[in-house]
C-alpha atoms as a PDB file:
ATOM      1  CA  GLY A   1      27.641 -44.447  13.464  1.00  0.00           C
ATOM      2  CA  GLY A   2      24.372 -46.239  14.040  1.00  0.00           C
ATOM      3  CA  CYS A   3      21.412 -46.634  16.583  1.00  0.00           C
ATOM      4  CA  CYS A   4      20.019 -49.625  18.468  1.00  0.00           C
ATOM      5  CA  GLY A   5      20.538 -53.011  16.605  1.00  0.00           C
ATOM      6  CA  THR A   6      23.302 -51.611  14.095  1.00  0.00           C
ATOM      7  CA  THR A   7      26.086 -54.155  14.195  1.00  0.00           C
ATOM      8  CA  PRO A   8      29.722 -53.798  12.954  1.00  0.00           C
ATOM      9  CA  ALA A   9      28.886 -55.208   9.460  1.00  0.00           C
ATOM     10  CA  GLU A  10      26.569 -52.403   9.043  1.00  0.00           C
ATOM     11  CA  ILE A  11      28.930 -49.765   9.908  1.00  0.00           C
ATOM     12  CA  ALA A  12      31.734 -51.323   7.656  1.00  0.00           C
ATOM     13  CA  ALA A  13      29.215 -51.380   4.762  1.00  0.00           C
ATOM     14  CA  ILE A  14      28.493 -47.553   5.242  1.00  0.00           C
ATOM     15  CA  ASP A  15      32.048 -46.584   5.326  1.00  0.00           C
ATOM     16  CA  GLU A  16      33.050 -48.529   2.416  1.00  0.00           C
ATOM     17  CA  ALA A  17      29.995 -47.055   0.397  1.00  0.00           C
ATOM     18  CA  LEU A  18      31.351 -43.573   1.476  1.00  0.00           C
ATOM     19  CA  ALA A  19      34.871 -44.264   0.541  1.00  0.00           C
ATOM     20  CA  GLY A  20      34.303 -45.515  -2.718  1.00  0.00           C
ATOM     21  CA  GLU A  21      34.475 -43.046  -5.741  1.00  0.00           C
ATOM     22  CA  ARG A  22      30.929 -41.470  -6.492  1.00  0.00           C
ATOM     23  CA  LYS A  23      30.331 -40.099 -10.098  1.00  0.00           C
ATOM     24  CA  PRO A  24      27.302 -38.060 -10.796  1.00  0.00           C
ATOM     25  CA  ARG A  25      24.931 -39.488 -13.004  1.00  0.00           C
ATOM     26  CA  ALA A  26      24.767 -36.196 -15.389  1.00  0.00           C
ATOM     27  CA  ARG A  27      27.325 -33.397 -15.739  1.00  0.00           C
ATOM     28  CA  LEU A  28      26.718 -30.398 -13.723  1.00  0.00           C
ATOM     29  CA  GLU A  29      26.794 -27.367 -16.102  1.00  0.00           C
ATOM     30  CA  PHE A  30      26.331 -23.699 -15.430  1.00  0.00           C
ATOM     31  CA  ALA A  31      25.033 -21.377 -17.981  1.00  0.00           C
ATOM     32  CA  GLU A  32      23.894 -17.855 -18.290  1.00  0.00           C
ATOM     33  CA  ARG A  33      20.140 -17.674 -17.742  1.00  0.00           C
ATOM     34  CA  GLU A  34      18.390 -15.768 -20.690  1.00  0.00           C
ATOM     35  CA  LEU A  35      16.172 -12.824 -19.196  1.00  0.00           C
ATOM     36  CA  LEU A  36      12.515 -13.651 -20.929  1.00  0.00           C
ATOM     37  CA  VAL A  37      10.731 -10.523 -22.349  1.00  0.00           C
ATOM     38  CA  SER A  38       7.502  -9.815 -20.712  1.00  0.00           C
ATOM     39  CA  LEU A  39       4.314 -10.247 -22.789  1.00  0.00           C
ATOM     40  CA  GLY A  40       3.135  -6.985 -24.278  1.00  0.00           C
ATOM     41  CA  GLU A  41      -0.189  -6.758 -22.339  1.00  0.00           C
ATOM     42  CA  GLU A  42       1.820  -6.795 -19.273  1.00  0.00           C
ATOM     43  CA  LEU A  43       3.772  -3.698 -19.909  1.00  0.00           C
ATOM     44  CA  LEU A  44       0.593  -1.695 -20.691  1.00  0.00           C
ATOM     45  CA  GLU A  45       0.044   1.524 -18.483  1.00  0.00           C
ATOM     46  CA  THR A  46      -2.382   1.230 -15.733  1.00  0.00           C
ATOM     47  CA  GLY A  47      -5.404   3.471 -15.795  1.00  0.00           C
ATOM     48  CA  LEU A  48      -4.025   5.345 -12.892  1.00  0.00           C
ATOM     49  CA  ALA A  49      -0.765   6.091 -14.538  1.00  0.00           C
ATOM     50  CA  ARG A  50      -2.455   7.497 -17.397  1.00  0.00           C
ATOM     51  CA  ALA A  51      -4.812   9.463 -15.763  1.00  0.00           C
ATOM     52  CA  LEU A  52      -2.027  10.950 -13.631  1.00  0.00           C
ATOM     53  CA  ARG A  53       0.079  11.546 -16.799  1.00  0.00           C
ATOM     54  CA  GLU A  54      -2.760  13.103 -18.468  1.00  0.00           C
ATOM     55  CA  ARG A  55      -3.556  15.393 -15.392  1.00  0.00           C
ATOM     56  CA  GLU A  56      -7.040  14.164 -15.141  1.00  0.00           C
ATOM     57  CA  TRP A  57      -8.545  14.789 -11.736  1.00  0.00           C
ATOM     58  CA  VAL A  58      -8.294  11.604  -9.759  1.00  0.00           C
ATOM     59  CA  VAL A  59     -10.883  10.341  -7.135  1.00  0.00           C
ATOM     60  CA  THR A  60     -10.097   6.902  -5.300  1.00  0.00           C
ATOM     61  CA  ILE A  61     -12.214   5.898  -2.265  1.00  0.00           C
ATOM     62  CA  GLN A  62     -10.559   3.672   0.612  1.00  0.00           C
ATOM     63  CA  LEU A  63     -11.727   0.403   1.480  1.00  0.00           C
ATOM     64  CA  ASP A  64     -11.059  -1.988   4.406  1.00  0.00           C
ATOM     65  CA  PRO A  65     -10.587  -5.864   3.446  1.00  0.00           C
ATOM     66  CA  PRO A  66     -13.083  -7.985   5.273  1.00  0.00           C
ATOM     67  CA  LEU A  67     -11.746  -9.398   8.692  1.00  0.00           C
ATOM     68  CA  GLY A  68     -13.490 -12.634   7.742  1.00  0.00           C
ATOM     69  CA  GLY A  69     -13.146 -15.420   4.798  1.00  0.00           C
ATOM     70  CA  SER A  70     -15.486 -13.697   2.413  1.00  0.00           C
ATOM     71  CA  SER A  71     -15.121 -10.804   0.029  1.00  0.00           C
ATOM     72  CA  LYS A  72     -18.803 -10.983  -1.621  1.00  0.00           C
ATOM     73  CA  GLY A  73     -19.605  -7.787   0.596  1.00  0.00           C
ATOM     74  CA  LEU A  74     -16.506  -5.613  -0.555  1.00  0.00           C
ATOM     75  CA  VAL A  75     -16.822  -6.547  -4.261  1.00  0.00           C
ATOM     76  CA  GLU A  76     -20.191  -5.328  -4.240  1.00  0.00           C
ATOM     77  CA  LEU A  77     -19.108  -2.257  -2.485  1.00  0.00           C
ATOM     78  CA  ALA A  78     -16.422  -1.951  -5.219  1.00  0.00           C
ATOM     79  CA  HIS A  79     -18.953  -2.363  -7.863  1.00  0.00           C
ATOM     80  CA  ALA A  80     -21.332   0.288  -6.502  1.00  0.00           C
ATOM     81  CA  ILE A  81     -18.371   2.843  -6.361  1.00  0.00           C
ATOM     82  CA  GLY A  82     -17.660   2.185  -9.694  1.00  0.00           C
ATOM     83  CA  GLU A  83     -21.005   2.126 -10.972  1.00  0.00           C
ATOM     84  CA  SER A  84     -21.594   5.614  -9.509  1.00  0.00           C
ATOM     85  CA  GLY A  85     -18.914   7.290 -11.822  1.00  0.00           C
ATOM     86  CA  LYS A  86     -17.887   9.374  -9.110  1.00  0.00           C
ATOM     87  CA  ALA A  87     -14.539   7.668  -8.402  1.00  0.00           C
ATOM     88  CA  GLY A  88     -12.403   5.522 -10.535  1.00  0.00           C
ATOM     89  CA  TYR A  89     -10.511   3.659  -8.038  1.00  0.00           C
ATOM     90  CA  VAL A  90     -10.461   2.068  -5.046  1.00  0.00           C
ATOM     91  CA  ASP A  91      -7.618   1.720  -2.531  1.00  0.00           C
ATOM     92  CA  ILE A  92      -7.322  -1.147  -0.306  1.00  0.00           C
ATOM     93  CA  ASN A  93      -5.868  -1.062   3.261  1.00  0.00           C
ATOM     94  CA  ASP A  94      -3.232  -3.620   4.241  1.00  0.00           C
ATOM     95  CA  ASN A  95      -3.957  -4.862   7.903  1.00  0.00           C
ATOM     96  CA  ALA A  96      -4.394  -1.193   8.953  1.00  0.00           C
ATOM     97  CA  THR A  97      -3.862  -0.511  12.456  1.00  0.00           C
ATOM     98  CA  ALA A  98      -2.314  -3.950  12.825  1.00  0.00           C
ATOM     99  CA  ARG A  99      -5.654  -5.401  12.570  1.00  0.00           C
ATOM    100  CA  ALA A 100      -5.282  -8.986  10.756  1.00  0.00           C
ATOM    101  CA  GLY A 101      -7.732  -8.806   7.800  1.00  0.00           C
ATOM    102  CA  MET A 102      -7.934 -10.539   4.300  1.00  0.00           C
ATOM    103  CA  SER A 103      -4.967  -9.614   1.939  1.00  0.00           C
ATOM    104  CA  SER A 104      -5.205  -6.297   0.198  1.00  0.00           C
ATOM    105  CA  LEU A 105      -3.439  -8.028  -2.882  1.00  0.00           C
ATOM    106  CA  ILE A 106      -5.895 -10.892  -3.222  1.00  0.00           C
ATOM    107  CA  VAL A 107      -8.897  -9.007  -2.546  1.00  0.00           C
ATOM    108  CA  SER A 108      -7.655  -6.500  -4.759  1.00  0.00           C
ATOM    109  CA  ALA A 109      -7.407  -8.891  -7.807  1.00  0.00           C
ATOM    110  CA  THR A 110     -10.767 -10.221  -6.971  1.00  0.00           C
ATOM    111  CA  ILE A 111     -12.339  -6.713  -7.047  1.00  0.00           C
ATOM    112  CA  GLU A 112     -10.675  -6.151 -10.447  1.00  0.00           C
ATOM    113  CA  ARG A 113     -11.897  -9.392 -11.919  1.00  0.00           C
ATOM    114  CA  GLN A 114     -15.394  -9.095 -10.202  1.00  0.00           C
ATOM    115  CA  ALA A 115     -16.120  -5.534 -10.004  1.00  0.00           C
ATOM    116  CA  GLY A 116     -14.342  -4.120 -12.941  1.00  0.00           C
ATOM    117  CA  ILE A 117     -12.807  -1.190 -10.980  1.00  0.00           C
ATOM    118  CA  GLU A 118      -8.915  -0.560 -10.741  1.00  0.00           C
ATOM    119  CA  THR A 119      -7.315  -0.832  -7.415  1.00  0.00           C
ATOM    120  CA  ILE A 120      -4.640   0.436  -5.371  1.00  0.00           C
ATOM    121  CA  PRO A 121      -3.700  -2.120  -2.808  1.00  0.00           C
ATOM    122  CA  HIS A 122      -1.602  -0.986   0.081  1.00  0.00           C
ATOM    123  CA  LEU A 123       1.294  -3.303   1.210  1.00  0.00           C
ATOM    124  CA  THR A 124       3.164  -3.280   4.457  1.00  0.00           C
ATOM    125  CA  THR A 125       6.505  -4.273   5.063  1.00  0.00           C
ATOM    126  CA  ARG A 126       5.608  -5.176   8.678  1.00  0.00           C
ATOM    127  CA  ASP A 127       4.036  -8.694   8.030  1.00  0.00           C
ATOM    128  CA  ALA A 128       6.551 -10.290   5.570  1.00  0.00           C
ATOM    129  CA  SER A 129      10.299 -10.583   4.699  1.00  0.00           C
ATOM    130  CA  VAL A 130      11.839  -9.376   1.431  1.00  0.00           C
ATOM    131  CA  MET A 131      11.188 -12.951   0.051  1.00  0.00           C
ATOM    132  CA  GLY A 132       7.530 -13.029   1.047  1.00  0.00           C
ATOM    133  CA  LEU A 133       6.905  -9.365  -0.200  1.00  0.00           C
ATOM    134  CA  GLU A 134       8.568 -10.371  -3.505  1.00  0.00           C
ATOM    135  CA  SER A 135       6.473 -13.834  -3.723  1.00  0.00           C
ATOM    136  CA  MET A 136       3.335 -11.651  -3.101  1.00  0.00           C
ATOM    137  CA  LEU A 137       4.163  -9.011  -5.690  1.00  0.00           C
ATOM    138  CA  LEU A 138       5.106 -11.394  -8.498  1.00  0.00           C
ATOM    139  CA  GLY A 139       1.648 -13.166  -7.991  1.00  0.00           C
ATOM    140  CA  ALA A 140      -0.206  -9.888  -7.776  1.00  0.00           C
ATOM    141  CA  HIS A 141       1.333  -8.891 -10.973  1.00  0.00           C
ATOM    142  CA  SER A 142       0.233 -12.136 -12.847  1.00  0.00           C
ATOM    143  CA  GLU A 143      -3.228 -11.414 -11.595  1.00  0.00           C
ATOM    144  CA  GLY A 144      -2.935  -7.687 -13.326  1.00  0.00           C
ATOM    145  CA  VAL A 145      -2.726  -5.802 -10.008  1.00  0.00           C
ATOM    146  CA  ARG A 146      -0.012  -3.163 -10.922  1.00  0.00           C
ATOM    147  CA  ASN A 147      -0.836  -0.010  -8.609  1.00  0.00           C
ATOM    148  CA  ILE A 148       1.098  -0.642  -5.276  1.00  0.00           C
ATOM    149  CA  LEU A 149       1.308   1.716  -2.441  1.00  0.00           C
ATOM    150  CA  ALA A 150       4.064   0.906  -0.327  1.00  0.00           C
ATOM    151  CA  ILE A 151       3.759   1.528   3.376  1.00  0.00           C
ATOM    152  CA  THR A 152       5.853   0.630   6.487  1.00  0.00           C
ATOM    153  CA  GLY A 153       2.749  -0.301   8.457  1.00  0.00           C
ATOM    154  CA  ASP A 154       1.583   0.370  11.969  1.00  0.00           C
ATOM    155  CA  PRO A 155       3.771  -1.458  14.980  1.00  0.00           C
ATOM    156  CA  PRO A 156       1.956  -4.564  15.947  1.00  0.00           C
ATOM    157  CA  GLU A 157       1.511  -3.660  19.359  1.00  0.00           C
ATOM    158  CA  VAL A 158      -1.305  -1.168  18.451  1.00  0.00           C
ATOM    159  CA  GLY A 159      -3.415  -3.838  16.936  1.00  0.00           C
ATOM    160  CA  ASP A 160      -5.062  -7.439  18.236  1.00  0.00           C
ATOM    161  CA  TYR A 161      -1.463  -9.114  18.148  1.00  0.00           C
ATOM    162  CA  PRO A 162       0.314  -6.640  20.713  1.00  0.00           C
ATOM    163  CA  GLY A 163       2.933  -9.744  21.609  1.00  0.00           C
ATOM    164  CA  ALA A 164       3.624 -10.061  18.085  1.00  0.00           C
ATOM    165  CA  GLN A 165       6.842  -9.073  16.283  1.00  0.00           C
ATOM    166  CA  GLY A 166       6.830  -7.055  13.171  1.00  0.00           C
ATOM    167  CA  VAL A 167       9.338  -8.278  10.499  1.00  0.00           C
ATOM    168  CA  TYR A 168      10.298  -4.859   8.885  1.00  0.00           C
ATOM    169  CA  GLU A 169      13.433  -6.627   7.070  1.00  0.00           C
ATOM    170  CA  ILE A 170      12.789  -3.205   4.643  1.00  0.00           C
ATOM    171  CA  ASP A 171      10.668  -0.391   5.182  1.00  0.00           C
ATOM    172  CA  SER A 172       8.614   1.541   2.406  1.00  0.00           C
ATOM    173  CA  VAL A 173      11.560   3.026   0.922  1.00  0.00           C
ATOM    174  CA  GLY A 174      13.041  -0.627   0.522  1.00  0.00           C
ATOM    175  CA  LEU A 175       9.580  -1.965  -1.082  1.00  0.00           C
ATOM    176  CA  THR A 176       9.748   1.026  -3.525  1.00  0.00           C
ATOM    177  CA  GLU A 177      12.988  -0.011  -4.575  1.00  0.00           C
ATOM    178  CA  LEU A 178      11.919  -3.910  -4.543  1.00  0.00           C
ATOM    179  CA  MET A 179       9.088  -2.713  -7.095  1.00  0.00           C
ATOM    180  CA  THR A 180      11.683  -0.625  -9.060  1.00  0.00           C
ATOM    181  CA  ARG A 181      13.921  -3.463  -9.397  1.00  0.00           C
ATOM    182  CA  LEU A 182      11.454  -5.978 -10.401  1.00  0.00           C
ATOM    183  CA  ASN A 183      10.410  -3.476 -13.229  1.00  0.00           C
ATOM    184  CA  ARG A 184      14.072  -3.721 -14.397  1.00  0.00           C
ATOM    185  CA  GLY A 185      13.933  -7.434 -14.395  1.00  0.00           C
ATOM    186  CA  GLU A 186      15.702  -8.294 -11.362  1.00  0.00           C
ATOM    187  CA  ASP A 187      15.192  -9.366  -7.635  1.00  0.00           C
ATOM    188  CA  PHE A 188      16.289  -7.017  -4.507  1.00  0.00           C
ATOM    189  CA  ASN A 189      19.527  -8.559  -4.765  1.00  0.00           C
ATOM    190  CA  GLY A 190      20.002  -7.833  -8.445  1.00  0.00           C
ATOM    191  CA  ARG A 191      19.371 -11.340  -9.990  1.00  0.00           C
ATOM    192  CA  PRO A 192      17.475 -11.646 -13.019  1.00  0.00           C
ATOM    193  CA  ILE A 193      13.950 -12.891 -12.841  1.00  0.00           C
ATOM    194  CA  ASP A 194      12.016 -14.690 -15.824  1.00  0.00           C
ATOM    195  CA  ALA A 195      10.049 -11.362 -16.729  1.00  0.00           C
ATOM    196  CA  PRO A 196      10.312  -8.026 -15.865  1.00  0.00           C
ATOM    197  CA  THR A 197       7.105  -6.310 -14.110  1.00  0.00           C
ATOM    198  CA  SER A 198       5.191  -3.171 -14.785  1.00  0.00           C
ATOM    199  CA  PHE A 199       4.433  -2.043 -11.186  1.00  0.00           C
ATOM    200  CA  PHE A 200       3.184   1.721 -10.768  1.00  0.00           C
ATOM    201  CA  PRO A 201       4.721   2.232  -7.284  1.00  0.00           C
ATOM    202  CA  GLY A 202       3.091   4.731  -5.083  1.00  0.00           C
ATOM    203  CA  VAL A 203       4.187   6.085  -1.364  1.00  0.00           C
ATOM    204  CA  ALA A 204       2.588   7.880   1.522  1.00  0.00           C
ATOM    205  CA  VAL A 205       3.765  11.210   2.983  1.00  0.00           C
ATOM    206  CA  ASN A 206       2.411  13.073   5.734  1.00  0.00           C
ATOM    207  CA  PRO A 207       2.074  16.912   5.789  1.00  0.00           C
ATOM    208  CA  THR A 208       1.601  17.078   9.497  1.00  0.00           C
ATOM    209  CA  PRO A 209       4.493  15.096  10.936  1.00  0.00           C
ATOM    210  CA  ASP A 210       6.138  15.345  14.306  1.00  0.00           C
ATOM    211  CA  ASP A 211       9.231  15.626  12.733  1.00  0.00           C
ATOM    212  CA  LEU A 212       9.090  17.472   9.178  1.00  0.00           C
ATOM    213  CA  GLU A 213      12.927  17.238   8.275  1.00  0.00           C
ATOM    214  CA  LEU A 214      12.595  13.530   8.785  1.00  0.00           C
ATOM    215  CA  GLU A 215       9.283  13.369   6.716  1.00  0.00           C
ATOM    216  CA  LEU A 216      11.122  15.247   4.076  1.00  0.00           C
ATOM    217  CA  GLU A 217      13.925  13.142   3.886  1.00  0.00           C
ATOM    218  CA  ARG A 218      12.319   9.960   4.113  1.00  0.00           C
ATOM    219  CA  PHE A 219       9.971  11.348   1.058  1.00  0.00           C
ATOM    220  CA  HIS A 220      12.974  12.296  -0.987  1.00  0.00           C
ATOM    221  CA  ALA A 221      14.403   8.868  -0.380  1.00  0.00           C
ATOM    222  CA  LYS A 222      11.090   7.002  -1.658  1.00  0.00           C
ATOM    223  CA  VAL A 223      10.975   9.381  -4.893  1.00  0.00           C
ATOM    224  CA  GLU A 224      14.901   8.380  -5.385  1.00  0.00           C
ATOM    225  CA  ALA A 225      13.661   4.628  -4.998  1.00  0.00           C
ATOM    226  CA  GLY A 226      11.197   4.994  -7.922  1.00  0.00           C
ATOM    227  CA  ALA A 227       7.739   6.353  -6.292  1.00  0.00           C
ATOM    228  CA  ARG A 228       5.658   7.502  -8.967  1.00  0.00           C
ATOM    229  CA  PHE A 229       2.680   8.800  -7.148  1.00  0.00           C
ATOM    230  CA  ALA A 230       1.999   9.728  -3.497  1.00  0.00           C
ATOM    231  CA  ILE A 231      -1.007   9.740  -1.237  1.00  0.00           C
ATOM    232  CA  THR A 232      -0.871  11.899   1.812  1.00  0.00           C
ATOM    233  CA  GLN A 233      -2.076  11.151   5.357  1.00  0.00           C
ATOM    234  CA  ILE A 234      -5.395  12.664   6.152  1.00  0.00           C
ATOM    235  CA  VAL A 235      -5.364  16.247   6.045  1.00  0.00           C
ATOM    236  CA  PHE A 236      -7.911  18.688   7.861  1.00  0.00           C
ATOM    237  CA  ASP A 237      -5.983  21.918   6.974  1.00  0.00           C
ATOM    238  CA  LEU A 238      -4.430  22.527   3.563  1.00  0.00           C
ATOM    239  CA  ASP A 239      -2.346  25.324   5.182  1.00  0.00           C
ATOM    240  CA  TYR A 240      -0.033  22.066   6.227  1.00  0.00           C
ATOM    241  CA  PHE A 241      -0.078  20.874   2.697  1.00  0.00           C
ATOM    242  CA  ASP A 242       1.120  24.154   1.324  1.00  0.00           C
ATOM    243  CA  ARG A 243       3.704  24.192   3.989  1.00  0.00           C
ATOM    244  CA  LEU A 244       5.328  20.776   2.721  1.00  0.00           C
ATOM    245  CA  THR A 245       4.831  22.004  -0.983  1.00  0.00           C
ATOM    246  CA  GLU A 246       6.759  25.140  -0.120  1.00  0.00           C
ATOM    247  CA  ARG A 247       9.621  23.014   1.667  1.00  0.00           C
ATOM    248  CA  LEU A 248       9.539  20.961  -1.755  1.00  0.00           C
ATOM    249  CA  GLY A 249      10.586  23.820  -3.559  1.00  0.00           C
ATOM    250  CA  GLY A 250       6.999  24.928  -4.598  1.00  0.00           C
ATOM    251  CA  SER A 251       6.001  21.923  -6.444  1.00  0.00           C
ATOM    252  CA  TRP A 252       5.775  18.027  -5.999  1.00  0.00           C
ATOM    253  CA  PRO A 253       8.377  16.033  -7.852  1.00  0.00           C
ATOM    254  CA  ILE A 254       5.441  13.204  -8.592  1.00  0.00           C
ATOM    255  CA  PRO A 255       1.553  13.472  -8.561  1.00  0.00           C
ATOM    256  CA  VAL A 256       0.093  13.740  -5.058  1.00  0.00           C
ATOM    257  CA  LEU A 257      -3.305  12.663  -3.917  1.00  0.00           C
ATOM    258  CA  VAL A 258      -4.801  14.560  -0.603  1.00  0.00           C
ATOM    259  CA  GLU A 259      -6.415  12.159   1.771  1.00  0.00           C
ATOM    260  CA  ILE A 260      -9.800  13.474   3.147  1.00  0.00           C
ATOM    261  CA  PHE A 261     -11.719  12.063   5.995  1.00  0.00           C
ATOM    262  CA  PRO A 262     -15.394  13.505   6.729  1.00  0.00           C
ATOM    263  CA  LEU A 263     -15.419  14.070  10.805  1.00  0.00           C
ATOM    264  CA  THR A 264     -19.032  12.859  12.313  1.00  0.00           C
ATOM    265  CA  SER A 265     -18.603  14.353  15.969  1.00  0.00           C
ATOM    266  CA  TYR A 266     -16.234  16.190  18.420  1.00  0.00           C
ATOM    267  CA  ARG A 267     -15.222  13.056  20.056  1.00  0.00           C
ATOM    268  CA  LEU A 268     -13.966  11.416  16.948  1.00  0.00           C
ATOM    269  CA  ALA A 269     -12.027  14.565  16.248  1.00  0.00           C
ATOM    270  CA  LEU A 270     -10.311  14.528  19.705  1.00  0.00           C
ATOM    271  CA  ARG A 271      -9.558  10.674  19.220  1.00  0.00           C
ATOM    272  CA  LEU A 272      -7.898  11.129  15.948  1.00  0.00           C
ATOM    273  CA  HIS A 273      -5.984  14.391  17.145  1.00  0.00           C
ATOM    274  CA  ASN A 274      -5.015  12.602  20.390  1.00  0.00           C
ATOM    275  CA  GLU A 275      -4.607   9.153  19.571  1.00  0.00           C
ATOM    276  CA  VAL A 276      -3.390   8.527  16.005  1.00  0.00           C
ATOM    277  CA  PRO A 277       0.145   9.497  15.370  1.00  0.00           C
ATOM    278  CA  GLY A 278       0.569  12.280  12.522  1.00  0.00           C
ATOM    279  CA  ILE A 279      -3.065  13.396  12.332  1.00  0.00           C
ATOM    280  CA  VAL A 280      -3.581  17.053  13.282  1.00  0.00           C
ATOM    281  CA  VAL A 281      -7.253  18.038  13.798  1.00  0.00           C
ATOM    282  CA  PRO A 282      -7.129  21.965  14.283  1.00  0.00           C
ATOM    283  CA  GLU A 283      -8.377  23.400  17.370  1.00  0.00           C
ATOM    284  CA  ALA A 284     -10.691  25.713  15.514  1.00  0.00           C
ATOM    285  CA  LEU A 285     -12.307  22.719  13.693  1.00  0.00           C
ATOM    286  CA  GLN A 286     -12.505  20.940  17.046  1.00  0.00           C
ATOM    287  CA  LEU A 287     -14.262  23.802  18.646  1.00  0.00           C
ATOM    288  CA  GLU A 288     -16.823  24.030  15.802  1.00  0.00           C
ATOM    289  CA  LEU A 289     -17.723  20.466  15.879  1.00  0.00           C
ATOM    290  CA  GLN A 290     -18.352  20.889  19.955  1.00  0.00           C
ATOM    291  CA  ASN A 291     -20.372  23.711  19.432  1.00  0.00           C
ATOM    292  CA  ALA A 292     -22.462  21.907  16.647  1.00  0.00           C
ATOM    293  CA  GLY A 293     -23.464  19.162  19.102  1.00  0.00           C
ATOM    294  CA  ALA A 294     -25.616  16.770  17.171  1.00  0.00           C
ATOM    295  CA  ASN A 295     -25.118  18.561  13.813  1.00  0.00           C
ATOM    296  CA  ALA A 296     -21.245  17.848  14.262  1.00  0.00           C
ATOM    297  CA  ALA A 297     -21.544  15.263  11.319  1.00  0.00           C
ATOM    298  CA  GLU A 298     -22.888  18.208   8.652  1.00  0.00           C
ATOM    299  CA  VAL A 299     -19.904  20.453   9.733  1.00  0.00           C
ATOM    300  CA  GLY A 300     -17.459  17.742   8.982  1.00  0.00           C
ATOM    301  CA  CYS A 301     -19.067  17.216   5.528  1.00  0.00           C
ATOM    302  CA  SER A 302     -18.933  20.820   4.606  1.00  0.00           C
ATOM    303  CA  ARG A 303     -15.148  20.921   6.014  1.00  0.00           C
ATOM    304  CA  ALA A 304     -14.589  17.904   3.636  1.00  0.00           C
ATOM    305  CA  ARG A 305     -16.174  19.337   0.812  1.00  0.00           C
ATOM    306  CA  GLU A 306     -13.975  22.662   1.296  1.00  0.00           C
ATOM    307  CA  LEU A 307     -11.132  20.517   1.305  1.00  0.00           C
ATOM    308  CA  ILE A 308     -11.911  18.559  -1.822  1.00  0.00           C
ATOM    309  CA  GLU A 309     -12.164  21.854  -3.802  1.00  0.00           C
ATOM    310  CA  GLY A 310      -9.124  23.177  -2.111  1.00  0.00           C
ATOM    311  CA  ALA A 311      -7.289  20.031  -3.470  1.00  0.00           C
ATOM    312  CA  ARG A 312      -8.186  20.496  -6.961  1.00  0.00           C
ATOM    313  CA  GLU A 313      -6.073  23.796  -7.039  1.00  0.00           C
ATOM    314  CA  ARG A 314      -3.129  21.856  -5.477  1.00  0.00           C
ATOM    315  CA  ALA A 315      -3.014  18.255  -6.113  1.00  0.00           C
ATOM    316  CA  ALA A 316      -3.593  15.534  -8.660  1.00  0.00           C
ATOM    317  CA  GLY A 317      -6.694  14.047  -6.845  1.00  0.00           C
ATOM    318  CA  VAL A 318      -8.224  13.226  -3.504  1.00  0.00           C
ATOM    319  CA  CYS A 319      -8.384   9.857  -1.448  1.00  0.00           C
ATOM    320  CA  LEU A 320     -11.408   9.723   0.443  1.00  0.00           C
ATOM    321  CA  VAL A 321     -11.603   7.706   3.754  1.00  0.00           C
ATOM    322  CA  ALA A 322     -15.486   6.916   5.185  1.00  0.00           C
ATOM    323  CA  PRO A 323     -15.530   6.734   8.743  1.00  0.00           C
ATOM    324  CA  PHE A 324     -17.035   3.601  10.505  1.00  0.00           C
ATOM    325  CA  ARG A 325     -16.461   1.401   7.243  1.00  0.00           C
ATOM    326  CA  GLN A 326     -19.321   3.058   5.661  1.00  0.00           C
ATOM    327  CA  PRO A 327     -17.459   3.964   2.233  1.00  0.00           C
ATOM    328  CA  LEU A 328     -20.610   4.859   0.450  1.00  0.00           C
ATOM    329  CA  ARG A 329     -21.338   7.771   2.511  1.00  0.00           C
ATOM    330  CA  VAL A 330     -18.190   9.809   1.165  1.00  0.00           C
ATOM    331  CA  LEU A 331     -19.811   9.595  -2.458  1.00  0.00           C
ATOM    332  CA  GLU A 332     -22.391  12.456  -1.238  1.00  0.00           C
ATOM    333  CA  LEU A 333     -18.828  14.517  -0.874  1.00  0.00           C
ATOM    334  CA  LEU A 334     -18.434  14.415  -4.513  1.00  0.00           C
ATOM    335  CA  GLU A 335     -22.207  15.745  -5.654  1.00  0.00           C
END
C-alpha cells in the first residue's frame, strides 16, 4: 500500500522487491556463549561479610539520601562517621516511606569512593522491574558496591506520589534470589551473564509483626533464597527479639543486626506506635516518656543504650537510626 502521491508504479516496484529472493549478506550462526571468569578482586569478601564471619561486633548508622541533586553533605556525614571510629558502616535508605530521593546505589558508590567507608544500600522492588533491578545491581557491582539489603518497600500511597503505581514485579525474596543467581553467573531467568558477581545480600526481618507466622515464613524463604545477613525493624523491647529467636529454634540461621532508634519525645513515640506499620513502642516506655516531659530525649537515649548493650548478648551488631536526619547524634550512644 501507499500514502498520498503513490502510483501503481511504486506499488508494483515494492511488490517485485518483496517477492524476489533475498539472501542475508552474512550467514547467521548460533553458538554457545562462553561464561567469562570475573577478576580476582571482584570476588573479594566485603568488610561486612568478613566481620560477620569472624564474629566482630558490627555497628552501622542509617543515612537518608538527599532529596536534591547534591550528595556533598551526605558524603561529609559519612566521612565524619568513619573518622569517629565508632561505626564501621553506613546503610543507605532507598526512597524510604515512598519519598523520592537520590538513588541509594549511586550515592553508596559515591560515599565508598569519596568517604572511604563501606556501605549497605537498601534496594526496594517497588520502583523497578526485574530487568531494571538487574541493570542497577550490575552497575553498582562494577562500582564496588556489594552489600545490598533487599526490601519490598512501602506502598506508594503513603508517600509523595499517592497516585503512583508500585512495580512489585518481584518482592524482597525475589530480589535476594536475583542476587544469588547473579553470583552464580546467571540472570533471573537462568541465562548466563558475562561475569558472575559477588554480592553479599541481606534482608529485613520484623520481631514485632502483625502476623508472626507470616513473618517467619517469609524470613525462611529469604534465607532459602540466599540471604547472608539480616537487619531487624526498629526494636524498643528485646523481649520481642527473644520471642522470634525462640521461634527460630533458639538461634538465627544468619547473622542479624538489631535496629535501634533513640526516641526524643512522647509525641514521637505515639506517632511511631500508631502510624508506622510493624513498630511497637511498649506502653511502659510511652508512659515513661510522657512523665519525663522536656527530659524525654534523655529517657529515649538511656533506653537506646540499654538496647545496644542487650543486643551484644543476642545479635551480631546494631543498626542505629537517628531521629530527624541527624545521624551524628547517635554516635553519642556509643560512648
